[in-house]
Amino acid sequence: MTVRITPNDRGNPMTSTERRRFSDQEIAQAASPTRITESSAKEDPAFERHYRIGELAAKWQLGRETVRLLVKDERGVLKIRLGRKKAHTIYSVPESVAVRIHTRLLNSR
């Protein structure tokens, strides 16, 4: 495979008439997904969409207290406490955890 490289504004030393032959290994490396951008983003709940209790309650058509009881002790749910009282706790539920809870509820029927 022959690729033509054109000069850019930053002073690329290669002129438009020069050509470089890339090895198969370089081509394969450029075509393969990087671990940081694709594979870890899918597996890491930190980069997923997070839902609040009210959003899940509206989506699932359940009461807020029912959803809170479902998610409060679930693995992977973020609990943000805004004071000493438990009433001042915000729950942030990653999408994968919400799917897991919803699937469990559907399969219990």
C-alpha atoms as a PDB file:
ATOM      1  CA  MET A   1       0.000   0.000   0.000  1.00  0.00           C
ATOM      2  CA  THR A   2       1.405   3.353  -0.981  1.00  0.00           C
ATOM      3  CA  VAL A   3       0.196   6.507   0.723  1.00  0.00           C
ATOM      4  CA  ARG A   4       0.832  10.000  -0.520  1.00  0.00           C
ATOM      5  CA  ILE A   5       1.582  12.475   2.238  1.00  0.00           C
ATOM      6  CA  THR A   6       1.118  16.159   1.553  1.00  0.00           C
ATOM      7  CA  PRO A   7       2.846  18.936   3.457  1.00  0.00           C
ATOM      8  CA  ASN A   8       0.918  20.890   6.058  1.00  0.00           C
ATOM      9  CA  ASP A   9       1.207  24.358   7.518  1.00  0.00           C
ATOM     10  CA  ARG A  10       3.418  23.188  10.378  1.00  0.00           C
ATOM     11  CA  GLY A  11       6.470  22.562   8.249  1.00  0.00           C
ATOM     12  CA  ASN A  12       6.112  18.878   7.449  1.00  0.00           C
ATOM     13  CA  PRO A  13       9.516  17.815   6.044  1.00  0.00           C
ATOM     14  CA  MET A  14       7.919  15.535   3.428  1.00  0.00           C
ATOM     15  CA  THR A  15       7.020  17.181   0.171  1.00  0.00           C
ATOM     16  CA  SER A  16       3.975  16.262  -1.883  1.00  0.00           C
ATOM     17  CA  THR A  17       6.128  14.231  -4.303  1.00  0.00           C
ATOM     18  CA  GLU A  18       7.654  11.967  -1.661  1.00  0.00           C
ATOM     19  CA  ARG A  19       5.996   8.639  -0.892  1.00  0.00           C
ATOM     20  CA  ARG A  20       6.292   6.312   2.054  1.00  0.00           C
ATOM     21  CA  ARG A  21       5.405   2.638   2.183  1.00  0.00           C
ATOM     22  CA  PHE A  22       3.709   1.602   5.419  1.00  0.00           C
ATOM     23  CA  SER A  23       4.282  -1.880   6.771  1.00  0.00           C
ATOM     24  CA  ASP A  24       1.400  -4.273   7.389  1.00  0.00           C
ATOM     25  CA  GLN A  25       2.046  -3.984  11.120  1.00  0.00           C
ATOM     26  CA  GLU A  26       1.674  -0.173  11.026  1.00  0.00           C
ATOM     27  CA  ILE A  27      -1.568  -0.477   9.076  1.00  0.00           C
ATOM     28  CA  ALA A  28      -2.974  -3.084  11.474  1.00  0.00           C
ATOM     29  CA  GLN A  29      -1.990  -0.988  14.482  1.00  0.00           C
ATOM     30  CA  ALA A  30      -3.696   2.095  13.065  1.00  0.00           C
ATOM     31  CA  ALA A  31      -6.856   0.120  12.240  1.00  0.00           C
ATOM     32  CA  SER A  32      -7.176  -1.597  15.619  1.00  0.00           C
ATOM     33  CA  PRO A  33      -9.219   0.167  18.341  1.00  0.00           C
ATOM     34  CA  THR A  34      -7.323   1.713  21.190  1.00  0.00           C
ATOM     35  CA  ARG A  35      -8.004   0.388  24.673  1.00  0.00           C
ATOM     36  CA  ILE A  36      -8.724   3.751  26.233  1.00  0.00           C
ATOM     37  CA  THR A  37     -11.232   5.109  23.734  1.00  0.00           C
ATOM     38  CA  GLU A  38     -13.359   2.087  22.958  1.00  0.00           C
ATOM     39  CA  SER A  39     -12.965  -0.993  25.129  1.00  0.00           C
ATOM     40  CA  SER A  40     -12.617   0.587  28.585  1.00  0.00           C
ATOM     41  CA  ALA A  41     -15.361   3.143  27.960  1.00  0.00           C
ATOM     42  CA  LYS A  42     -17.865   0.350  27.348  1.00  0.00           C
ATOM     43  CA  GLU A  43     -16.890  -1.572  30.482  1.00  0.00           C
ATOM     44  CA  ASP A  44     -16.312   1.323  32.856  1.00  0.00           C
ATOM     45  CA  PRO A  45     -19.499   2.615  34.528  1.00  0.00           C
ATOM     46  CA  ALA A  46     -17.837   5.970  35.179  1.00  0.00           C
ATOM     47  CA  PHE A  47     -18.381   6.955  31.533  1.00  0.00           C
ATOM     48  CA  GLU A  48     -21.941   5.638  31.217  1.00  0.00           C
ATOM     49  CA  ARG A  49     -25.137   7.632  31.405  1.00  0.00           C
ATOM     50  CA  HIS A  50     -26.229   7.957  35.053  1.00  0.00           C
ATOM     51  CA  TYR A  51     -29.832   8.175  36.200  1.00  0.00           C
ATOM     52  CA  ARG A  52     -31.349   9.749  39.301  1.00  0.00           C
ATOM     53  CA  ILE A  53     -34.163   8.149  41.280  1.00  0.00           C
ATOM     54  CA  GLY A  54     -36.814  10.418  39.740  1.00  0.00           C
ATOM     55  CA  GLU A  55     -35.733   9.620  36.196  1.00  0.00           C
ATOM     56  CA  LEU A  56     -35.907   5.871  36.784  1.00  0.00           C
ATOM     57  CA  ALA A  57     -39.245   6.196  38.583  1.00  0.00           C
ATOM     58  CA  ALA A  58     -40.721   8.019  35.589  1.00  0.00           C
ATOM     59  CA  LYS A  59     -39.196   5.580  33.091  1.00  0.00           C
ATOM     60  CA  TRP A  60     -40.329   2.472  34.969  1.00  0.00           C
ATOM     61  CA  GLN A  61     -43.644   4.027  36.095  1.00  0.00           C
ATOM     62  CA  LEU A  62     -42.952   3.251  39.749  1.00  0.00           C
ATOM     63  CA  GLY A  63     -42.919   5.407  42.843  1.00  0.00           C
ATOM     64  CA  ARG A  64     -39.759   7.247  43.856  1.00  0.00           C
ATOM     65  CA  GLU A  65     -39.593   5.419  47.193  1.00  0.00           C
ATOM     66  CA  THR A  66     -39.970   2.037  45.474  1.00  0.00           C
ATOM     67  CA  VAL A  67     -37.102   2.817  43.103  1.00  0.00           C
ATOM     68  CA  ARG A  68     -34.988   4.144  45.978  1.00  0.00           C
ATOM     69  CA  LEU A  69     -35.482   0.869  47.865  1.00  0.00           C
ATOM     70  CA  LEU A  70     -34.536  -1.088  44.738  1.00  0.00           C
ATOM     71  CA  VAL A  71     -31.292   0.781  44.078  1.00  0.00           C
ATOM     72  CA  LYS A  72     -30.045   1.820  47.535  1.00  0.00           C
ATOM     73  CA  ASP A  73     -28.062  -1.365  48.273  1.00  0.00           C
ATOM     74  CA  GLU A  74     -27.273  -2.308  44.676  1.00  0.00           C
ATOM     75  CA  ARG A  75     -23.615  -2.792  43.730  1.00  0.00           C
ATOM     76  CA  GLY A  76     -22.363  -0.006  41.453  1.00  0.00           C
ATOM     77  CA  VAL A  77     -24.772   2.729  42.576  1.00  0.00           C
ATOM     78  CA  LEU A  78     -23.128   5.978  43.672  1.00  0.00           C
ATOM     79  CA  LYS A  79     -24.405   7.368  46.969  1.00  0.00           C
ATOM     80  CA  ILE A  80     -23.677  11.044  47.532  1.00  0.00           C
ATOM     81  CA  ARG A  81     -24.477  12.200  51.043  1.00  0.00           C
ATOM     82  CA  LEU A  82     -25.144  15.907  51.451  1.00  0.00           C
ATOM     83  CA  GLY A  83     -25.349  15.990  55.222  1.00  0.00           C
ATOM     84  CA  ARG A  84     -25.740  13.810  58.259  1.00  0.00           C
ATOM     85  CA  LYS A  85     -29.300  12.764  57.486  1.00  0.00           C
ATOM     86  CA  LYS A  86     -30.004   9.836  55.200  1.00  0.00           C
ATOM     87  CA  ALA A  87     -32.781  11.892  53.618  1.00  0.00           C
ATOM     88  CA  HIS A  88     -30.102  14.098  52.051  1.00  0.00           C
ATOM     89  CA  THR A  89     -28.591  11.297  49.959  1.00  0.00           C
ATOM     90  CA  ILE A  90     -28.447  11.445  46.163  1.00  0.00           C
ATOM     91  CA  TYR A  91     -28.326   8.147  44.290  1.00  0.00           C
ATOM     92  CA  SER A  92     -26.670   8.056  40.874  1.00  0.00           C
ATOM     93  CA  VAL A  93     -27.399   4.831  38.987  1.00  0.00           C
ATOM     94  CA  PRO A  94     -25.205   3.877  35.996  1.00  0.00           C
ATOM     95  CA  GLU A  95     -27.094   2.649  32.948  1.00  0.00           C
ATOM     96  CA  SER A  96     -25.670  -0.884  33.221  1.00  0.00           C
ATOM     97  CA  VAL A  97     -26.876  -1.149  36.831  1.00  0.00           C
ATOM     98  CA  ALA A  98     -30.327   0.164  35.878  1.00  0.00           C
ATOM     99  CA  VAL A  99     -30.546  -2.462  33.124  1.00  0.00           C
ATOM    100  CA  ARG A 100     -29.462  -5.164  35.591  1.00  0.00           C
ATOM    101  CA  ILE A 101     -32.123  -4.132  38.124  1.00  0.00           C
ATOM    102  CA  HIS A 102     -34.848  -3.891  35.476  1.00  0.00           C
ATOM    103  CA  THR A 103     -33.922  -7.292  34.006  1.00  0.00           C
ATOM    104  CA  ARG A 104     -34.013  -8.844  37.472  1.00  0.00           C
ATOM    105  CA  LEU A 105     -37.483  -7.379  38.041  1.00  0.00           C
ATOM    106  CA  LEU A 106     -38.752  -8.694  34.705  1.00  0.00           C
ATOM    107  CA  ASN A 107     -37.355 -12.180  35.327  1.00  0.00           C
ATOM    108  CA  SER A 108     -38.889 -12.441  38.817  1.00  0.00           C
ATOM    109  CA  ARG A 109     -42.423 -12.629  37.374  1.00  0.00           C
END
